[in-house]
Amino acid sequence: MKDSLFRRSEDIGMSYYTVKQARHNASKLRKDRRVTEVSFSVHNILASAADDEERDHDRRSTCRLSTVTSHD
């Protein structure tokens, strides 16, 4: 798998680490659970949560925070 991620990273011009991290995040946060207005860094933190219930709670809190701070 490392070789395929490395080739993919070269193909798209991103570092191996970034591609590996994005793949991990995508496996932990289904597409319907991602929030466009929230940064990749926040999704990375949410993906590291121990379980789905904790991730959902954190995601809802992040969405509320994002809504509050985007209107300042």
PDB file of N, CA and C in Angstrom:
ATOM      1  N   MET A   1       0.814  -1.185   0.000  1.00  0.00           N
ATOM      2  CA  MET A   1       0.000   0.000   0.000  1.00  0.00           C
ATOM      3  C   MET A   1       0.866   1.260   0.000  1.00  0.00           C
ATOM      4  N   LYS A   2       1.985   1.219   0.683  1.00  0.00           N
ATOM      5  CA  LYS A   2       2.859   2.376   0.743  1.00  0.00           C
ATOM      6  C   LYS A   2       3.303   2.791  -0.662  1.00  0.00           C
ATOM      7  N   ASP A   3       3.614   1.805  -1.504  1.00  0.00           N
ATOM      8  CA  ASP A   3       4.045   2.119  -2.865  1.00  0.00           C
ATOM      9  C   ASP A   3       2.944   2.806  -3.663  1.00  0.00           C
ATOM     10  N   SER A   4       1.709   2.325  -3.522  1.00  0.00           N
ATOM     11  CA  SER A   4       0.613   2.929  -4.280  1.00  0.00           C
ATOM     12  C   SER A   4       0.332   4.351  -3.801  1.00  0.00           C
ATOM     13  N   LEU A   5       0.420   4.584  -2.498  1.00  0.00           N
ATOM     14  CA  LEU A   5       0.232   5.946  -1.985  1.00  0.00           C
ATOM     15  C   LEU A   5       1.369   6.856  -2.435  1.00  0.00           C
ATOM     16  N   PHE A   6       2.560   6.319  -2.473  1.00  0.00           N
ATOM     17  CA  PHE A   6       3.703   7.107  -2.918  1.00  0.00           C
ATOM     18  C   PHE A   6       3.537   7.498  -4.394  1.00  0.00           C
ATOM     19  N   ARG A   7       3.136   6.529  -5.225  1.00  0.00           N
ATOM     20  CA  ARG A   7       2.906   6.829  -6.649  1.00  0.00           C
ATOM     21  C   ARG A   7       1.794   7.854  -6.816  1.00  0.00           C
ATOM     22  N   ARG A   8       0.724   7.692  -6.052  1.00  0.00           N
ATOM     23  CA  ARG A   8      -0.393   8.631  -6.120  1.00  0.00           C
ATOM     24  C   ARG A   8       0.071  10.039  -5.732  1.00  0.00           C
ATOM     25  N   SER A   9       0.865  10.132  -4.686  1.00  0.00           N
ATOM     26  CA  SER A   9       1.342  11.449  -4.247  1.00  0.00           C
ATOM     27  C   SER A   9       2.193  12.105  -5.330  1.00  0.00           C
ATOM     28  N   GLU A  10       3.009  11.314  -6.004  1.00  0.00           N
ATOM     29  CA  GLU A  10       3.807  11.868  -7.104  1.00  0.00           C
ATOM     30  C   GLU A  10       2.919  12.316  -8.255  1.00  0.00           C
ATOM     31  N   ASP A  11       1.890  11.532  -8.561  1.00  0.00           N
ATOM     32  CA  ASP A  11       0.973  11.860  -9.663  1.00  0.00           C
ATOM     33  C   ASP A  11       0.247  13.181  -9.447  1.00  0.00           C
ATOM     34  N   ILE A  12      -0.132  13.455  -8.207  1.00  0.00           N
ATOM     35  CA  ILE A  12      -0.915  14.663  -7.942  1.00  0.00           C
ATOM     36  C   ILE A  12      -0.082  15.812  -7.382  1.00  0.00           C
ATOM     37  N   GLY A  13       1.212  15.567  -7.197  1.00  0.00           N
ATOM     38  CA  GLY A  13       2.105  16.637  -6.752  1.00  0.00           C
ATOM     39  C   GLY A  13       1.973  17.011  -5.287  1.00  0.00           C
ATOM     40  N   MET A  14       1.637  16.031  -4.452  1.00  0.00           N
ATOM     41  CA  MET A  14       1.530  16.277  -3.013  1.00  0.00           C
ATOM     42  C   MET A  14       2.491  15.339  -2.298  1.00  0.00           C
ATOM     43  N   SER A  15       2.798  15.661  -1.053  1.00  0.00           N
ATOM     44  CA  SER A  15       3.718  14.802  -0.304  1.00  0.00           C
ATOM     45  C   SER A  15       3.031  13.484   0.051  1.00  0.00           C
ATOM     46  N   TYR A  16       3.842  12.467   0.224  1.00  0.00           N
ATOM     47  CA  TYR A  16       3.342  11.151   0.630  1.00  0.00           C
ATOM     48  C   TYR A  16       2.570  11.270   1.941  1.00  0.00           C
ATOM     49  N   TYR A  17       3.111  12.017   2.891  1.00  0.00           N
ATOM     50  CA  TYR A  17       2.474  12.170   4.197  1.00  0.00           C
ATOM     51  C   TYR A  17       1.075  12.783   4.057  1.00  0.00           C
ATOM     52  N   THR A  18       0.925  13.803   3.215  1.00  0.00           N
ATOM     53  CA  THR A  18      -0.375  14.457   3.027  1.00  0.00           C
ATOM     54  C   THR A  18      -1.393  13.483   2.450  1.00  0.00           C
ATOM     55  N   VAL A  19      -0.972  12.713   1.451  1.00  0.00           N
ATOM     56  CA  VAL A  19      -1.873  11.739   0.831  1.00  0.00           C
ATOM     57  C   VAL A  19      -2.250  10.649   1.834  1.00  0.00           C
ATOM     58  N   LYS A  20      -1.284  10.189   2.599  1.00  0.00           N
ATOM     59  CA  LYS A  20      -1.537   9.156   3.614  1.00  0.00           C
ATOM     60  C   LYS A  20      -2.527   9.675   4.654  1.00  0.00           C
ATOM     61  N   GLN A  21      -2.326  10.896   5.097  1.00  0.00           N
ATOM     62  CA  GLN A  21      -3.201  11.489   6.104  1.00  0.00           C
ATOM     63  C   GLN A  21      -4.615  11.699   5.541  1.00  0.00           C
ATOM     64  N   ALA A  22      -4.714  12.156   4.304  1.00  0.00           N
ATOM     65  CA  ALA A  22      -6.021  12.360   3.681  1.00  0.00           C
ATOM     66  C   ALA A  22      -6.765  11.032   3.543  1.00  0.00           C
ATOM     67  N   ARG A  23      -6.052   9.991   3.186  1.00  0.00           N
ATOM     68  CA  ARG A  23      -6.667   8.663   3.056  1.00  0.00           C
ATOM     69  C   ARG A  23      -7.173   8.180   4.411  1.00  0.00           C
ATOM     70  N   HIS A  24      -6.378   8.385   5.438  1.00  0.00           N
ATOM     71  CA  HIS A  24      -6.790   7.995   6.786  1.00  0.00           C
ATOM     72  C   HIS A  24      -8.050   8.758   7.197  1.00  0.00           C
ATOM     73  N   ASN A  25      -8.050  10.069   6.979  1.00  0.00           N
ATOM     74  CA  ASN A  25      -9.208  10.891   7.341  1.00  0.00           C
ATOM     75  C   ASN A  25     -10.454  10.430   6.595  1.00  0.00           C
ATOM     76  N   ALA A  26     -10.303  10.162   5.308  1.00  0.00           N
ATOM     77  CA  ALA A  26     -11.447   9.729   4.507  1.00  0.00           C
ATOM     78  C   ALA A  26     -11.998   8.396   5.008  1.00  0.00           C
ATOM     79  N   SER A  27     -11.129   7.532   5.497  1.00  0.00           N
ATOM     80  CA  SER A  27     -11.602   6.245   6.001  1.00  0.00           C
ATOM     81  C   SER A  27     -12.325   6.389   7.336  1.00  0.00           C
ATOM     82  N   LYS A  28     -12.001   7.417   8.101  1.00  0.00           N
ATOM     83  CA  LYS A  28     -12.613   7.629   9.411  1.00  0.00           C
ATOM     84  C   LYS A  28     -13.845   8.523   9.361  1.00  0.00           C
ATOM     85  N   LEU A  29     -13.885   9.448   8.402  1.00  0.00           N
ATOM     86  CA  LEU A  29     -15.010  10.384   8.280  1.00  0.00           C
ATOM     87  C   LEU A  29     -15.672  10.184   6.923  1.00  0.00           C
ATOM     88  N   ARG A  30     -16.815   9.509   6.939  1.00  0.00           N
ATOM     89  CA  ARG A  30     -17.527   9.292   5.679  1.00  0.00           C
ATOM     90  C   ARG A  30     -17.867  10.634   5.039  1.00  0.00           C
ATOM     91  N   LYS A  31     -18.060  10.616   3.734  1.00  0.00           N
ATOM     92  CA  LYS A  31     -18.309  11.847   2.984  1.00  0.00           C
ATOM     93  C   LYS A  31     -19.506  12.623   3.540  1.00  0.00           C
ATOM     94  N   ASP A  32     -20.550  11.936   3.947  1.00  0.00           N
ATOM     95  CA  ASP A  32     -21.733  12.622   4.468  1.00  0.00           C
ATOM     96  C   ASP A  32     -21.503  13.241   5.850  1.00  0.00           C
ATOM     97  N   ARG A  33     -20.365  12.937   6.455  1.00  0.00           N
ATOM     98  CA  ARG A  33     -20.044  13.501   7.771  1.00  0.00           C
ATOM     99  C   ARG A  33     -19.022  14.639   7.690  1.00  0.00           C
ATOM    100  N   ARG A  34     -18.512  14.926   6.503  1.00  0.00           N
ATOM    101  CA  ARG A  34     -17.527  16.001   6.354  1.00  0.00           C
ATOM    102  C   ARG A  34     -18.240  17.333   6.158  1.00  0.00           C
ATOM    103  N   VAL A  35     -17.578  18.402   6.553  1.00  0.00           N
ATOM    104  CA  VAL A  35     -18.164  19.737   6.467  1.00  0.00           C
ATOM    105  C   VAL A  35     -17.252  20.608   5.614  1.00  0.00           C
ATOM    106  N   THR A  36     -17.778  21.111   4.520  1.00  0.00           N
ATOM    107  CA  THR A  36     -16.984  21.886   3.559  1.00  0.00           C
ATOM    108  C   THR A  36     -16.315  23.096   4.199  1.00  0.00           C
ATOM    109  N   GLU A  37     -17.014  23.769   5.101  1.00  0.00           N
ATOM    110  CA  GLU A  37     -16.506  25.007   5.692  1.00  0.00           C
ATOM    111  C   GLU A  37     -15.432  24.773   6.755  1.00  0.00           C
ATOM    112  N   VAL A  38     -15.176  23.522   7.091  1.00  0.00           N
ATOM    113  CA  VAL A  38     -14.224  23.194   8.149  1.00  0.00           C
ATOM    114  C   VAL A  38     -12.894  22.772   7.529  1.00  0.00           C
ATOM    115  N   SER A  39     -11.805  23.236   8.080  1.00  0.00           N
ATOM    116  CA  SER A  39     -10.482  22.986   7.514  1.00  0.00           C
ATOM    117  C   SER A  39     -10.071  21.518   7.607  1.00  0.00           C
ATOM    118  N   PHE A  40      -9.108  21.167   6.767  1.00  0.00           N
ATOM    119  CA  PHE A  40      -8.544  19.813   6.767  1.00  0.00           C
ATOM    120  C   PHE A  40      -7.967  19.488   8.142  1.00  0.00           C
ATOM    121  N   SER A  41      -7.346  20.460   8.780  1.00  0.00           N
ATOM    122  CA  SER A  41      -6.751  20.228  10.109  1.00  0.00           C
ATOM    123  C   SER A  41      -7.792  19.799  11.127  1.00  0.00           C
ATOM    124  N   VAL A  42      -8.958  20.410  11.085  1.00  0.00           N
ATOM    125  CA  VAL A  42     -10.027  20.041  12.017  1.00  0.00           C
ATOM    126  C   VAL A  42     -10.524  18.636  11.702  1.00  0.00           C
ATOM    127  N   HIS A  43     -10.690  18.332  10.414  1.00  0.00           N
ATOM    128  CA  HIS A  43     -11.104  16.974  10.045  1.00  0.00           C
ATOM    129  C   HIS A  43     -10.064  15.949  10.501  1.00  0.00           C
ATOM    130  N   ASN A  44      -8.806  16.326  10.461  1.00  0.00           N
ATOM    131  CA  ASN A  44      -7.748  15.437  10.929  1.00  0.00           C
ATOM    132  C   ASN A  44      -7.910  15.144  12.422  1.00  0.00           C
ATOM    133  N   ILE A  45      -8.218  16.152  13.197  1.00  0.00           N
ATOM    134  CA  ILE A  45      -8.443  15.976  14.633  1.00  0.00           C
ATOM    135  C   ILE A  45      -9.666  15.088  14.866  1.00  0.00           C
ATOM    136  N   LEU A  46     -10.738  15.347  14.143  1.00  0.00           N
ATOM    137  CA  LEU A  46     -11.949  14.549  14.297  1.00  0.00           C
ATOM    138  C   LEU A  46     -11.702  13.087  13.911  1.00  0.00           C
ATOM    139  N   ALA A  47     -10.906  12.874  12.883  1.00  0.00           N
ATOM    140  CA  ALA A  47     -10.610  11.504  12.436  1.00  0.00           C
ATOM    141  C   ALA A  47      -9.833  10.731  13.495  1.00  0.00           C
ATOM    142  N   SER A  48      -9.124  11.434  14.352  1.00  0.00           N
ATOM    143  CA  SER A  48      -8.344  10.752  15.380  1.00  0.00           C
ATOM    144  C   SER A  48      -9.180  10.371  16.606  1.00  0.00           C
ATOM    145  N   ALA A  49     -10.445  10.790  16.636  1.00  0.00           N
ATOM    146  CA  ALA A  49     -11.319  10.446  17.760  1.00  0.00           C
ATOM    147  C   ALA A  49     -11.461   8.930  17.860  1.00  0.00           C
ATOM    148  N   ALA A  50     -11.670   8.467  19.061  1.00  0.00           N
ATOM    149  CA  ALA A  50     -11.661   7.029  19.339  1.00  0.00           C
ATOM    150  C   ALA A  50     -12.779   6.255  18.646  1.00  0.00           C
ATOM    151  N   ASP A  51     -13.977   6.822  18.564  1.00  0.00           N
ATOM    152  CA  ASP A  51     -15.088   6.066  17.981  1.00  0.00           C
ATOM    153  C   ASP A  51     -16.064   6.985  17.249  1.00  0.00           C
ATOM    154  N   ASP A  52     -17.029   6.367  16.541  1.00  0.00           N
ATOM    155  CA  ASP A  52     -17.986   7.129  15.745  1.00  0.00           C
ATOM    156  C   ASP A  52     -18.818   8.088  16.591  1.00  0.00           C
ATOM    157  N   GLU A  53     -19.236   7.655  17.773  1.00  0.00           N
ATOM    158  CA  GLU A  53     -20.055   8.505  18.623  1.00  0.00           C
ATOM    159  C   GLU A  53     -19.297   9.765  19.032  1.00  0.00           C
ATOM    160  N   GLU A  54     -18.045   9.611  19.411  1.00  0.00           N
ATOM    161  CA  GLU A  54     -17.221  10.766  19.791  1.00  0.00           C
ATOM    162  C   GLU A  54     -16.985  11.675  18.585  1.00  0.00           C
ATOM    163  N   ARG A  55     -16.725  11.079  17.415  1.00  0.00           N
ATOM    164  CA  ARG A  55     -16.522  11.876  16.201  1.00  0.00           C
ATOM    165  C   ARG A  55     -17.762  12.688  15.871  1.00  0.00           C
ATOM    166  N   ASP A  56     -18.947  12.071  15.960  1.00  0.00           N
ATOM    167  CA  ASP A  56     -20.189  12.785  15.657  1.00  0.00           C
ATOM    168  C   ASP A  56     -20.413  13.940  16.618  1.00  0.00           C
ATOM    169  N   HIS A  57     -20.149  13.723  17.886  1.00  0.00           N
ATOM    170  CA  HIS A  57     -20.306  14.798  18.872  1.00  0.00           C
ATOM    171  C   HIS A  57     -19.345  15.938  18.559  1.00  0.00           C
ATOM    172  N   ASP A  58     -18.096  15.614  18.302  1.00  0.00           N
ATOM    173  CA  ASP A  58     -17.089  16.631  18.000  1.00  0.00           C
ATOM    174  C   ASP A  58     -17.427  17.367  16.704  1.00  0.00           C
ATOM    175  N   ARG A  59     -17.931  16.635  15.720  1.00  0.00           N
ATOM    176  CA  ARG A  59     -18.278  17.251  14.434  1.00  0.00           C
ATOM    177  C   ARG A  59     -19.412  18.246  14.605  1.00  0.00           C
ATOM    178  N   ARG A  60     -20.438  17.882  15.372  1.00  0.00           N
ATOM    179  CA  ARG A  60     -21.555  18.802  15.607  1.00  0.00           C
ATOM    180  C   ARG A  60     -21.071  20.052  16.330  1.00  0.00           C
ATOM    181  N   SER A  61     -20.210  19.895  17.310  1.00  0.00           N
ATOM    182  CA  SER A  61     -19.665  21.042  18.044  1.00  0.00           C
ATOM    183  C   SER A  61     -18.850  21.930  17.111  1.00  0.00           C
ATOM    184  N   THR A  62     -18.059  21.323  16.242  1.00  0.00           N
ATOM    185  CA  THR A  62     -17.235  22.072  15.297  1.00  0.00           C
ATOM    186  C   THR A  62     -18.100  22.846  14.321  1.00  0.00           C
ATOM    187  N   CYS A  63     -19.176  22.224  13.852  1.00  0.00           N
ATOM    188  CA  CYS A  63     -20.078  22.901  12.916  1.00  0.00           C
ATOM    189  C   CYS A  63     -20.713  24.126  13.562  1.00  0.00           C
ATOM    190  N   ARG A  64     -21.128  23.992  14.824  1.00  0.00           N
ATOM    191  CA  ARG A  64     -21.702  25.151  15.528  1.00  0.00           C
ATOM    192  C   ARG A  64     -20.661  26.239  15.684  1.00  0.00           C
ATOM    193  N   LEU A  65     -19.436  25.883  16.040  1.00  0.00           N
ATOM    194  CA  LEU A  65     -18.358  26.857  16.207  1.00  0.00           C
ATOM    195  C   LEU A  65     -18.067  27.531  14.872  1.00  0.00           C
ATOM    196  N   SER A  66     -18.020  26.763  13.800  1.00  0.00           N
ATOM    197  CA  SER A  66     -17.742  27.307  12.473  1.00  0.00           C
ATOM    198  C   SER A  66     -18.801  28.325  12.073  1.00  0.00           C
ATOM    199  N   THR A  67     -20.055  28.034  12.378  1.00  0.00           N
ATOM    200  CA  THR A  67     -21.155  28.932  12.040  1.00  0.00           C
ATOM    201  C   THR A  67     -21.049  30.230  12.834  1.00  0.00           C
ATOM    202  N   VAL A  68     -20.688  30.129  14.096  1.00  0.00           N
ATOM    203  CA  VAL A  68     -20.573  31.321  14.951  1.00  0.00           C
ATOM    204  C   VAL A  68     -19.403  32.185  14.494  1.00  0.00           C
ATOM    205  N   THR A  69     -18.258  31.589  14.232  1.00  0.00           N
ATOM    206  CA  THR A  69     -17.070  32.382  13.901  1.00  0.00           C
ATOM    207  C   THR A  69     -17.093  32.911  12.477  1.00  0.00           C
ATOM    208  N   SER A  70     -17.832  32.291  11.583  1.00  0.00           N
ATOM    209  CA  SER A  70     -17.837  32.758  10.197  1.00  0.00           C
ATOM    210  C   SER A  70     -18.672  34.012  10.009  1.00  0.00           C
ATOM    211  N   HIS A  71     -19.484  34.371  10.987  1.00  0.00           N
ATOM    212  CA  HIS A  71     -20.330  35.555  10.860  1.00  0.00           C
ATOM    213  C   HIS A  71     -19.753  36.771  11.565  1.00  0.00           C
ATOM    214  N   ASP A  72     -18.561  36.676  12.114  1.00  0.00           N
ATOM    215  CA  ASP A  72     -17.950  37.818  12.826  1.00  0.00           C
ATOM    216  C   ASP A  72     -17.494  38.890  11.885  1.00  0.00           C
TER     217      ASP A  72
END
